């Protein structure tokens, strides 16, 4: 799809996107709030619930408080802990089998767990496979009630309309997009994120920052999404360095969860952009974790947007008190983008993808353009030449 047709498609979608209702989950925030899960299930009248997680979290004991709250509420439960990073449709099918006889779902984990749970809750309620629900607005019946308890502060999946599932056959990622996928409840408990490794904390927080920035410069942005994105950006820059210095800082952990939540609220209404399009492709083909892929790409693509986004980035620069009061928008905006590169260095983000060979550049560009063009309301379109230069800058360095 050429640039003209892409812009037309995005413009035609805009009024439809704006009128589609996007619910926000009832949200509980604070240390120890994960133990509310049982009370919420009892309030819903649930008889048996499926708890979806991964094996590491299950074996670590992180679910103990949640499981005890479910038992104390008199609700039966079964645990499915087979979720892997970048979950496939096969994993969703396994979890769906485990959901037999359940009338509610509790998801405890990161973005992969959230996406799996959303797909399972929808597939069970609609008596179909998750593959059949891939695409836009294909969830006809409301999914099983879902309580989302994130253990990372990045994806914002606990408040978004999307679930991203990998297709093993094509090594691509498919999106289920429907407002019905938004969980009924979200619980943001910072105690569950204290044990995260520093690199995971960084990758997930930069994933949330990507959501906020792509929402902020999107053509579908409005006053409400701008407010949400600004809150997320401010909290991440304020608290991520503090949490890296003191991983037990509950105030900081809670702030990062809140930032992820607000960023999720923003981008679920605006869509994302080239960062996600390239990250989805590189992640799907070469097994690069999503947060890391976004982090590597983010500064480069925001720099590409600079010529058409001086005012927008300057607003963020002023919010973060960058430079001097009398600096022009161009100077403020440039300082902000430079800050993104600096943050990556501080967080130890690599500059290249070791598993992404230069020989795959053209295929990656094709797949990313296919995902982005006509769907994502980006502020500036990549030419193929510019995209090739970007990919050459981030792919594995060829040995001499």
Protein backbone atom coordinates (compact mmCIF):
# COMPACT_ATOMS: atom_id res chain seq x y z
CA UNK A 1 0.00 0.00 0.00
CA UNK A 2 1.52 3.34 -1.05
CA UNK A 3 1.68 6.39 1.21
CA UNK A 4 -1.32 8.11 -0.34
CA UNK A 5 -3.57 5.08 0.07
CA UNK A 6 -2.24 4.50 3.60
CA UNK A 7 -3.11 8.04 4.65
CA UNK A 8 -6.56 7.69 3.09
CA UNK A 9 -7.21 4.40 4.89
CA UNK A 10 -6.13 5.90 8.23
CA UNK A 11 -8.31 8.97 7.66
CA UNK A 12 -11.36 6.84 6.83
CA UNK A 13 -10.88 4.77 9.98
CA UNK A 14 -10.55 7.77 12.29
CA UNK A 15 -14.24 8.56 12.87
CA UNK A 16 -14.98 4.86 13.39
CA UNK A 17 -12.14 4.51 15.89
CA UNK A 18 -13.37 7.55 17.80
CA UNK A 19 -16.94 6.31 18.22
CA UNK A 20 -16.06 2.75 19.30
CA UNK A 21 -16.45 2.54 23.06
CA UNK A 22 -13.29 1.44 24.87
CA UNK A 23 -14.01 0.45 28.47
CA UNK A 24 -11.61 0.91 31.36
CA UNK A 25 -11.29 -1.91 33.92
CA UNK A 26 -12.24 -1.32 37.54
CA UNK A 27 -8.78 -0.88 39.02
CA UNK A 28 -7.23 -1.52 42.43
CA UNK A 29 -3.78 -0.04 43.15
CA UNK A 30 -1.44 -0.59 46.07
CA UNK A 31 0.74 -3.09 47.97
CA UNK A 32 -1.07 -6.31 48.81
CA UNK A 33 -4.06 -5.59 46.58
CA UNK A 34 -3.53 -8.82 44.61
CA UNK A 35 -5.26 -10.57 47.50
CA UNK A 36 -8.48 -8.85 46.39
CA UNK A 37 -8.81 -11.44 43.60
CA UNK A 38 -10.82 -13.91 45.66
CA UNK A 39 -13.23 -11.27 46.92
CA UNK A 40 -13.82 -10.03 43.39
CA UNK A 41 -14.51 -13.55 42.12
CA UNK A 42 -16.98 -14.13 44.94
CA UNK A 43 -18.67 -10.84 44.12
CA UNK A 44 -19.00 -12.01 40.49
CA UNK A 45 -20.62 -15.26 41.65
CA UNK A 46 -17.83 -17.35 40.15
CA UNK A 47 -17.83 -21.05 40.99
CA UNK A 48 -14.56 -22.11 39.37
CA UNK A 49 -11.79 -19.98 37.91
CA UNK A 50 -8.78 -20.62 35.72
CA UNK A 51 -5.59 -18.94 36.93
CA UNK A 52 -3.25 -18.35 34.00
CA UNK A 53 0.45 -17.72 34.64
CA UNK A 54 3.89 -19.03 33.70
CA UNK A 55 5.89 -21.80 35.36
CA UNK A 56 8.50 -19.49 36.89
CA UNK A 57 5.92 -17.32 38.65
CA UNK A 58 4.01 -20.39 39.80
CA UNK A 59 7.09 -22.11 41.23
CA UNK A 60 8.39 -18.89 42.80
CA UNK A 61 5.42 -18.68 45.14
CA UNK A 62 4.34 -15.31 43.78
CA UNK A 63 0.83 -16.67 43.24
CA UNK A 64 0.44 -17.96 46.79
CA UNK A 65 -1.44 -14.92 48.06
CA UNK A 66 -3.76 -14.88 45.05
CA UNK A 67 -4.50 -18.60 45.32
CA UNK A 68 -5.15 -18.35 49.05
CA UNK A 69 -7.57 -15.47 48.50
CA UNK A 70 -9.45 -17.58 45.94
CA UNK A 71 -9.67 -20.55 48.28
CA UNK A 72 -10.77 -18.31 51.17
CA UNK A 73 -13.56 -16.96 48.99
CA UNK A 74 -14.89 -20.49 48.48
CA UNK A 75 -14.11 -20.52 44.74
CA UNK A 76 -12.58 -23.58 43.10
CA UNK A 77 -9.62 -22.94 40.84
CA UNK A 78 -7.19 -24.63 38.49
CA UNK A 79 -3.80 -23.25 37.42
CA UNK A 80 -2.43 -23.25 33.88
CA UNK A 81 1.26 -22.28 34.00
CA UNK A 82 2.36 -23.16 30.48
CA UNK A 83 2.55 -19.63 29.09
CA UNK A 84 5.80 -18.85 27.26
CA UNK A 85 7.12 -15.49 26.03
CA UNK A 86 5.36 -14.49 22.81
CA UNK A 87 2.61 -17.10 23.29
CA UNK A 88 1.45 -19.10 20.30
CA UNK A 89 -2.04 -20.16 19.31
CA UNK A 90 -1.08 -23.66 20.46
CA UNK A 91 -0.47 -22.35 23.98
CA UNK A 92 -3.81 -20.55 23.93
CA UNK A 93 -5.48 -23.82 22.85
CA UNK A 94 -3.86 -25.68 25.77
CA UNK A 95 -4.98 -23.04 28.24
CA UNK A 96 -8.47 -23.14 26.76
CA UNK A 97 -8.65 -26.89 27.48
CA UNK A 98 -7.65 -26.20 31.07
CA UNK A 99 -10.54 -23.72 31.28
CA UNK A 100 -13.13 -26.47 30.98
CA UNK A 101 -15.91 -25.86 33.51
CA UNK A 102 -14.55 -22.45 34.55
CA UNK A 103 -16.69 -19.33 34.62
CA UNK A 104 -13.93 -16.75 35.22
CA UNK A 105 -10.23 -16.20 34.51
CA UNK A 106 -7.47 -14.64 36.61
CA UNK A 107 -4.24 -13.67 34.83
CA UNK A 108 -1.10 -13.22 36.93
CA UNK A 109 1.99 -12.35 34.95
CA UNK A 110 3.45 -10.16 32.25
CA UNK A 111 2.17 -9.25 28.83
CA UNK A 112 2.37 -12.79 27.46
CA UNK A 113 0.18 -14.08 30.29
CA UNK A 114 -2.29 -11.20 29.84
CA UNK A 115 -2.57 -11.78 26.10
CA UNK A 116 -3.05 -15.52 26.58
CA UNK A 117 -5.76 -14.96 29.20
CA UNK A 118 -7.62 -12.44 27.05
CA UNK A 119 -7.57 -14.82 24.09
CA UNK A 120 -8.71 -17.76 26.24
CA UNK A 121 -11.53 -15.83 27.90
CA UNK A 122 -12.81 -14.74 24.50
CA UNK A 123 -12.39 -18.12 22.78
CA UNK A 124 -14.19 -20.03 25.54
CA UNK A 125 -17.13 -17.65 25.63
CA UNK A 126 -17.44 -17.65 21.84
CA UNK A 127 -17.04 -21.43 21.47
CA UNK A 128 -14.28 -21.04 18.91
CA UNK A 129 -10.52 -20.94 18.50
CA UNK A 130 -8.35 -17.90 19.14
CA UNK A 131 -7.27 -18.01 15.49
CA UNK A 132 -10.87 -17.39 14.45
CA UNK A 133 -10.90 -14.22 16.56
CA UNK A 134 -7.74 -12.72 15.05
CA UNK A 135 -8.42 -9.38 13.41
CA UNK A 136 -10.68 -6.48 14.30
CA UNK A 137 -14.03 -6.65 16.11
CA UNK A 138 -14.53 -10.42 15.78
CA UNK A 139 -15.44 -11.14 19.41
CA UNK A 140 -19.23 -11.42 19.25
CA UNK A 141 -19.98 -12.63 22.78
CA UNK A 142 -18.54 -11.02 25.89
CA UNK A 143 -15.54 -13.03 27.19
CA UNK A 144 -15.49 -14.74 30.56
CA UNK A 145 -14.92 -12.25 33.39
CA UNK A 146 -11.18 -11.57 33.56
CA UNK A 147 -9.14 -10.22 36.48
CA UNK A 148 -5.73 -9.00 35.29
CA UNK A 149 -2.88 -8.88 37.81
CA UNK A 150 0.28 -7.68 36.01
CA UNK A 151 3.68 -8.63 37.42
CA UNK A 152 5.60 -6.36 35.04
CA UNK A 153 5.14 -2.66 34.38
CA UNK A 154 5.22 -2.41 30.62
CA UNK A 155 2.60 -3.86 28.33
CA UNK A 156 -0.46 -2.16 29.80
CA UNK A 157 -2.35 -5.18 28.52
CA UNK A 158 -4.58 -5.06 31.60
CA UNK A 159 -6.34 -2.05 30.05
CA UNK A 160 -6.03 -2.57 26.28
CA UNK A 161 -8.36 -3.87 23.58
CA UNK A 162 -5.70 -6.13 22.08
CA UNK A 163 -4.18 -9.56 22.53
CA UNK A 164 -1.09 -10.45 20.49
CA UNK A 165 -0.53 -14.12 19.70
CA UNK A 166 2.28 -15.63 17.62
CA UNK A 167 1.60 -17.80 14.60
CA UNK A 168 4.12 -20.66 14.67
CA UNK A 169 3.63 -21.44 11.01
CA UNK A 170 4.42 -17.96 9.68
CA UNK A 171 6.60 -16.69 12.57
CA UNK A 172 4.43 -13.59 12.63
CA UNK A 173 2.31 -12.01 15.33
CA UNK A 174 -1.47 -11.79 15.00
CA UNK A 175 -3.61 -9.26 16.82
CA UNK A 176 -7.03 -9.82 18.32
CA UNK A 177 -8.57 -6.35 18.49
CA UNK A 178 -11.89 -5.80 20.22
CA UNK A 179 -13.10 -3.59 23.10
CA UNK A 180 -14.64 -6.71 24.68
CA UNK A 181 -11.11 -7.97 25.39
CA UNK A 182 -10.52 -5.31 28.07
CA UNK A 183 -10.41 -7.12 31.43
CA UNK A 184 -13.23 -6.50 33.89
CA UNK A 185 -10.79 -5.81 36.75
CA UNK A 186 -7.13 -4.80 36.98
CA UNK A 187 -5.05 -5.08 40.15
CA UNK A 188 -1.77 -3.11 40.24
CA UNK A 189 0.18 -4.53 43.18
CA UNK A 190 3.79 -3.29 43.31
CA UNK A 191 4.82 -6.09 45.67
CA UNK A 192 4.53 -8.50 42.73
CA UNK A 193 7.15 -6.58 40.71
CA UNK A 194 9.83 -6.20 43.40
CA UNK A 195 11.67 -9.37 42.37
CA UNK A 196 12.02 -8.43 38.70
CA UNK A 197 15.59 -8.48 37.33
CA UNK A 198 16.94 -5.04 36.45
CA UNK A 199 16.98 -5.76 32.72
CA UNK A 200 13.33 -6.86 32.79
CA UNK A 201 12.36 -3.75 34.73
CA UNK A 202 14.12 -1.62 32.12
CA UNK A 203 12.72 -3.43 29.07
CA UNK A 204 9.14 -3.35 30.32
CA UNK A 205 9.29 0.30 31.41
CA UNK A 206 10.67 1.26 28.00
CA UNK A 207 7.86 -0.74 26.41
CA UNK A 208 5.42 1.48 28.35
CA UNK A 209 7.36 4.58 27.28
CA UNK A 210 7.03 3.44 23.67
CA UNK A 211 3.27 3.09 24.10
CA UNK A 212 3.04 6.59 25.55
CA UNK A 213 5.18 8.26 22.87
CA UNK A 214 3.60 6.49 19.91
CA UNK A 215 0.20 7.48 21.29
CA UNK A 216 1.32 11.09 21.80
CA UNK A 217 2.41 11.62 18.19
CA UNK A 218 -0.36 9.53 16.61
CA UNK A 219 -2.87 11.06 14.25
CA UNK A 220 -5.68 9.71 16.44
CA UNK A 221 -4.41 11.44 19.59
CA UNK A 222 -6.79 13.71 21.47
CA UNK A 223 -6.81 15.73 24.68
CA UNK A 224 -7.55 12.71 26.86
CA UNK A 225 -4.88 10.43 25.36
CA UNK A 226 -2.38 13.30 25.52
CA UNK A 227 -3.02 13.64 29.24
CA UNK A 228 -2.58 9.91 29.78
CA UNK A 229 0.61 9.78 27.72
CA UNK A 230 2.15 12.75 29.53
CA UNK A 231 1.47 11.15 32.92
CA UNK A 232 3.16 7.95 31.76
CA UNK A 233 6.21 9.74 30.33
CA UNK A 234 6.70 11.82 33.49
CA UNK A 235 6.39 8.84 35.83
CA UNK A 236 8.82 6.69 33.83
CA UNK A 237 11.53 9.33 33.65
CA UNK A 238 11.03 10.17 37.32
CA UNK A 239 10.92 6.67 38.79
CA UNK A 240 12.69 4.20 36.49
CA UNK A 241 16.22 5.33 37.51
CA UNK A 242 15.17 5.24 41.18
CA UNK A 243 13.81 1.70 40.90
CA UNK A 244 16.96 0.55 39.15
CA UNK A 245 18.97 1.90 42.10
CA UNK A 246 16.59 0.41 44.69
CA UNK A 247 14.52 -2.48 43.31
CA UNK A 248 12.57 -2.70 46.59
CA UNK A 249 11.20 0.86 46.24
CA UNK A 250 7.45 0.17 46.41
CA UNK A 251 6.53 3.78 45.63
CA UNK A 252 8.60 3.63 42.46
CA UNK A 253 7.29 0.20 41.51
CA UNK A 254 3.72 1.42 41.94
CA UNK A 255 4.49 4.50 39.85
CA UNK A 256 5.82 2.35 36.99
CA UNK A 257 2.73 0.13 37.11
CA UNK A 258 0.58 3.27 37.00
CA UNK A 259 2.62 4.62 34.08
CA UNK A 260 2.15 1.38 32.18
CA UNK A 261 -1.59 1.50 32.86
CA UNK A 262 -1.94 5.10 31.60
CA UNK A 263 0.20 4.39 28.55
CA UNK A 264 -2.01 1.39 27.81
CA UNK A 265 -5.13 3.54 28.08
CA UNK A 266 -3.59 6.02 25.65
CA UNK A 267 -2.39 3.70 22.90
CA UNK A 268 -5.46 1.48 22.97
CA UNK A 269 -7.33 4.57 21.75
CA UNK A 270 -4.73 5.91 19.30
CA UNK A 271 -2.97 2.76 18.03
CA UNK A 272 0.79 2.62 17.84
CA UNK A 273 3.28 3.16 15.00
CA UNK A 274 6.49 2.08 13.32
CA UNK A 275 8.26 1.14 16.56
CA UNK A 276 5.71 -1.59 17.20
CA UNK A 277 5.44 -2.60 13.55
CA UNK A 278 9.18 -3.27 13.31
CA UNK A 279 9.37 -4.70 16.85
CA UNK A 280 6.55 -7.16 16.18
CA UNK A 281 8.28 -8.35 13.01
CA UNK A 282 11.78 -8.61 14.48
CA UNK A 283 10.45 -10.19 17.67
CA UNK A 284 8.30 -12.70 15.83
CA UNK A 285 11.00 -13.78 13.39
CA UNK A 286 14.06 -13.77 15.65
CA UNK A 287 12.73 -14.29 19.16
CA UNK A 288 13.61 -10.83 20.48
CA UNK A 289 11.59 -9.93 23.62
CA UNK A 290 9.01 -7.30 22.77
CA UNK A 291 10.09 -4.72 25.34
CA UNK A 292 13.73 -4.97 24.28
CA UNK A 293 12.80 -4.66 20.60
CA UNK A 294 10.79 -1.52 21.30
CA UNK A 295 13.58 -0.06 23.43
CA UNK A 296 16.23 -0.47 20.72
CA UNK A 297 14.03 1.07 18.02
CA UNK A 298 12.34 3.87 19.97
CA UNK A 299 15.00 6.64 19.87
CA UNK A 300 15.71 6.09 16.17
CA UNK A 301 12.10 6.30 15.09
CA UNK A 302 11.30 9.27 17.34
CA UNK A 303 14.29 11.04 15.76
CA UNK A 304 12.82 10.28 12.33
CA UNK A 305 9.55 11.88 13.48
CA UNK A 306 11.31 15.05 14.70
CA UNK A 307 10.81 17.26 11.61
CA UNK A 308 7.01 16.90 11.87
CA UNK A 309 6.79 16.65 15.67
CA UNK A 310 8.83 19.55 17.05
CA UNK A 311 5.84 21.00 18.90
CA UNK A 312 4.78 17.67 20.39
CA UNK A 313 8.23 16.65 21.62
CA UNK A 314 8.91 20.21 22.83
CA UNK A 315 5.86 19.93 25.09
CA UNK A 316 7.38 16.85 26.68
CA UNK A 317 10.75 18.55 26.94
CA UNK A 318 9.19 21.45 28.85
CA UNK A 319 7.32 19.04 31.12
CA UNK A 320 10.65 17.39 31.99
CA UNK A 321 12.34 20.81 32.35
CA UNK A 322 14.93 20.18 29.65
CA UNK A 323 17.19 23.00 28.47
CA UNK A 324 16.57 26.69 29.03
CA UNK A 325 13.17 28.44 29.36
CA UNK A 326 13.65 30.41 26.13
CA UNK A 327 14.65 27.46 23.94
CA UNK A 328 12.75 27.07 20.67
CA UNK A 329 10.46 24.10 20.02
CA UNK A 330 13.11 22.60 17.76
CA UNK A 331 15.79 22.77 20.45
CA UNK A 332 13.44 21.41 23.16
CA UNK A 333 12.27 18.59 20.91
CA UNK A 334 15.82 17.65 19.94
CA UNK A 335 16.84 17.61 23.60
CA UNK A 336 13.95 15.27 24.36
CA UNK A 337 14.93 12.78 21.65
CA UNK A 338 18.55 12.90 22.82
CA UNK A 339 17.25 12.07 26.29
CA UNK A 340 15.75 8.85 24.87
CA UNK A 341 19.19 7.77 23.64
CA UNK A 342 20.67 8.68 27.03
CA UNK A 343 18.03 6.67 28.89
CA UNK A 344 18.79 3.63 26.72
CA UNK A 345 22.47 3.89 27.60
CA UNK A 346 21.66 4.24 31.30
CA UNK A 347 19.48 1.13 31.16
CA UNK A 348 22.08 -0.93 29.29
CA UNK A 349 19.98 -1.32 26.15
CA UNK A 350 22.04 -2.73 23.25
CA UNK A 351 22.25 -0.76 20.02
CA UNK A 352 21.79 -3.77 17.75
CA UNK A 353 19.81 -7.03 17.53
CA UNK A 354 22.31 -9.88 17.55
CA UNK A 355 19.83 -12.36 16.06
CA UNK A 356 18.60 -10.13 13.22
CA UNK A 357 20.83 -10.69 10.16
CA UNK A 358 21.25 -8.06 7.47
CA UNK A 359 20.05 -10.63 4.93
CA UNK A 360 16.54 -10.37 6.41
CA UNK A 361 16.23 -6.58 6.17
CA UNK A 362 14.02 -6.47 3.08
CA UNK A 363 11.62 -9.08 4.45
CA UNK A 364 11.40 -7.27 7.79
CA UNK A 365 10.61 -3.99 6.02
CA UNK A 366 7.90 -5.65 3.92
CA UNK A 367 6.21 -7.17 6.98
CA UNK A 368 6.46 -4.01 9.08
CA UNK A 369 5.08 -1.83 6.31
CA UNK A 370 2.23 -4.30 5.80
CA UNK A 371 1.33 -4.08 9.50
CA UNK A 372 1.67 -0.32 9.78
CA UNK A 373 0.51 1.23 6.54
CA UNK A 374 -3.20 1.88 6.35
CA UNK A 375 -3.69 0.99 10.04
CA UNK A 376 -1.37 3.01 12.28
CA UNK A 377 -1.78 6.82 12.19
CA UNK A 378 1.94 7.64 12.12
CA UNK A 379 3.01 11.30 11.88
CA UNK A 380 5.61 10.67 9.17
CA UNK A 381 5.86 7.79 6.73
CA UNK A 382 9.10 5.93 6.15
CA UNK A 383 10.39 5.66 2.62
CA UNK A 384 11.93 2.32 1.86
CA UNK A 385 15.36 3.95 1.71
CA UNK A 386 14.99 5.45 5.18
CA UNK A 387 13.64 2.17 6.55
CA UNK A 388 16.61 0.31 5.09
CA UNK A 389 19.04 2.74 6.77
CA UNK A 390 17.27 2.22 10.09
CA UNK A 391 17.41 -1.56 9.80
CA UNK A 392 21.09 -1.43 8.83
CA UNK A 393 21.73 0.58 11.99
CA UNK A 394 20.07 -1.97 14.31
CA UNK A 395 20.63 -5.39 12.67
CA UNK A 396 23.49 -7.68 13.65
CA UNK A 397 26.83 -6.22 12.71
CA UNK A 398 28.44 -8.17 9.91
CA UNK A 399 31.87 -9.52 10.65
CA UNK A 400 34.66 -8.18 8.48
